[in-house]
Amino acid sequence: MNLMNVDGYHAKIGYDEETDQFRGEILGLSGGANFYGSSPEELRQEFKKSLDVFLEVCKEQGIEPRRHYSGKFNLRIPPELHEQLVMTAEAQGKSLNSLAQEALQRSVTA
């Protein structure tokens, strides 16, 4: 996954074949904000412009720009995998939650 960072905000970057440009989508916002550019430099400039416009609109409308996360989510997995995970956690002297949290943390830092 290609990510770009500006002012503490992150965007995923892809290529849009129809426009023959790179397309960015700012992540973690309470609304949507996209931008396009033909080069990394132009893409970064457009990211900044799009973000500034989004933040200004949020300010005008009294909206919190970033989504808030509770720290909880439901995960549906096959019962067999659930059983294997519980056994693995117990064998390591951990809770299932700790085991899952460690695995998820490894996946985002890899």
Protein backbone atom coordinates (compact mmCIF):
# COMPACT_ATOMS: atom_id res chain seq x y z
CA MET A 1 0.00 0.00 0.00
CA ASN A 2 1.33 3.42 -0.92
CA LEU A 3 0.81 6.06 1.77
CA MET A 4 1.58 9.77 1.82
CA ASN A 5 1.69 11.90 4.98
CA VAL A 6 1.01 15.62 5.31
CA ASP A 7 0.61 17.49 8.61
CA GLY A 8 -0.12 14.29 10.54
CA TYR A 9 -2.77 13.10 8.08
CA HIS A 10 -2.35 9.99 5.91
CA ALA A 11 -3.60 9.27 2.42
CA LYS A 12 -3.55 6.12 0.35
CA ILE A 13 -2.25 6.66 -3.15
CA GLY A 14 -3.25 4.81 -6.29
CA TYR A 15 -3.18 5.28 -10.03
CA ASP A 16 -6.34 6.34 -11.87
CA GLU A 17 -6.15 4.95 -15.40
CA GLU A 18 -9.07 7.08 -16.64
CA THR A 19 -7.38 10.39 -15.78
CA ASP A 20 -3.79 9.13 -16.18
CA GLN A 21 -2.98 10.63 -12.78
CA PHE A 22 -2.23 9.51 -9.28
CA ARG A 23 -5.21 9.67 -6.94
CA GLY A 24 -5.04 10.17 -3.20
CA GLU A 25 -7.72 9.56 -0.59
CA ILE A 26 -7.19 11.06 2.86
CA LEU A 27 -7.80 8.44 5.53
CA GLY A 28 -9.47 8.70 8.94
CA LEU A 29 -11.61 11.74 8.21
CA SER A 30 -15.20 12.29 9.26
CA GLY A 31 -15.95 12.95 5.57
CA GLY A 32 -14.30 12.34 2.23
CA ALA A 33 -11.38 14.20 0.68
CA ASN A 34 -9.62 13.16 -2.53
CA PHE A 35 -6.92 14.74 -4.65
CA TYR A 36 -5.08 14.13 -7.92
CA GLY A 37 -1.60 14.83 -9.26
CA SER A 38 0.68 13.84 -12.12
CA SER A 39 3.86 13.72 -10.06
CA PRO A 40 4.72 13.08 -6.42
CA GLU A 41 5.38 16.81 -5.91
CA GLU A 42 2.06 17.83 -7.48
CA LEU A 43 0.28 15.09 -5.54
CA ARG A 44 1.72 16.40 -2.25
CA GLN A 45 0.67 19.97 -3.13
CA GLU A 46 -2.86 18.84 -3.99
CA PHE A 47 -3.01 16.77 -0.78
CA LYS A 48 -2.22 19.92 1.22
CA LYS A 49 -4.83 21.99 -0.70
CA SER A 50 -7.53 19.34 -0.32
CA LEU A 51 -6.77 18.92 3.37
CA ASP A 52 -6.84 22.70 3.97
CA VAL A 53 -10.23 23.02 2.24
CA PHE A 54 -11.63 20.05 4.18
CA LEU A 55 -10.41 21.44 7.52
CA GLU A 56 -11.83 24.88 6.75
CA VAL A 57 -15.26 23.44 5.90
CA CYS A 58 -15.18 21.40 9.12
CA LYS A 59 -14.32 24.52 11.10
CA GLU A 60 -17.13 26.52 9.48
CA GLN A 61 -19.68 23.76 10.15
CA GLY A 62 -18.42 22.86 13.64
CA ILE A 63 -17.52 19.33 12.60
CA GLU A 64 -14.63 17.34 14.12
CA PRO A 65 -12.40 16.55 11.10
CA ARG A 66 -11.05 13.21 12.33
CA ARG A 67 -13.13 10.12 12.96
CA HIS A 68 -13.09 8.88 16.52
CA TYR A 69 -12.42 5.24 17.34
CA SER A 70 -13.67 3.38 20.40
CA GLY A 71 -10.91 0.79 20.48
CA LYS A 72 -13.45 -2.00 20.01
CA PHE A 73 -14.55 -3.89 16.91
CA ASN A 74 -16.24 -7.20 16.16
CA LEU A 75 -14.35 -9.80 14.23
CA ARG A 76 -16.04 -12.80 12.62
CA ILE A 77 -13.82 -15.84 12.19
CA PRO A 78 -14.46 -19.56 11.72
CA PRO A 79 -15.09 -21.43 15.00
CA GLU A 80 -12.07 -23.65 14.34
CA LEU A 81 -9.76 -20.63 14.13
CA HIS A 82 -11.35 -19.19 17.29
CA GLU A 83 -10.55 -22.43 19.12
CA GLN A 84 -6.96 -22.49 17.83
CA LEU A 85 -6.43 -18.88 18.88
CA VAL A 86 -7.78 -19.50 22.39
CA MET A 87 -5.49 -22.52 22.79
CA THR A 88 -2.49 -20.54 21.52
CA ALA A 89 -3.25 -17.67 23.88
CA GLU A 90 -3.68 -20.01 26.86
CA ALA A 91 -0.44 -21.83 26.01
CA GLN A 92 1.37 -18.47 26.00
CA GLY A 93 -0.32 -17.36 29.23
CA LYS A 94 -2.12 -14.52 27.47
CA SER A 95 -5.69 -13.46 26.94
CA LEU A 96 -7.20 -13.86 23.49
CA ASN A 97 -7.44 -10.08 23.33
CA SER A 98 -3.69 -9.68 24.03
CA LEU A 99 -2.78 -12.27 21.43
CA ALA A 100 -4.96 -10.59 18.81
CA GLN A 101 -3.70 -7.12 19.71
CA GLU A 102 -0.07 -8.21 19.33
CA ALA A 103 -0.79 -9.83 15.95
CA LEU A 104 -2.63 -6.76 14.71
CA GLN A 105 0.16 -4.47 15.90
CA ARG A 106 2.73 -6.56 14.02
CA SER A 107 0.66 -6.29 10.84
CA VAL A 108 0.61 -2.48 10.88
CA THR A 109 4.30 -2.10 11.76
CA ALA A 110 5.52 -4.62 9.18
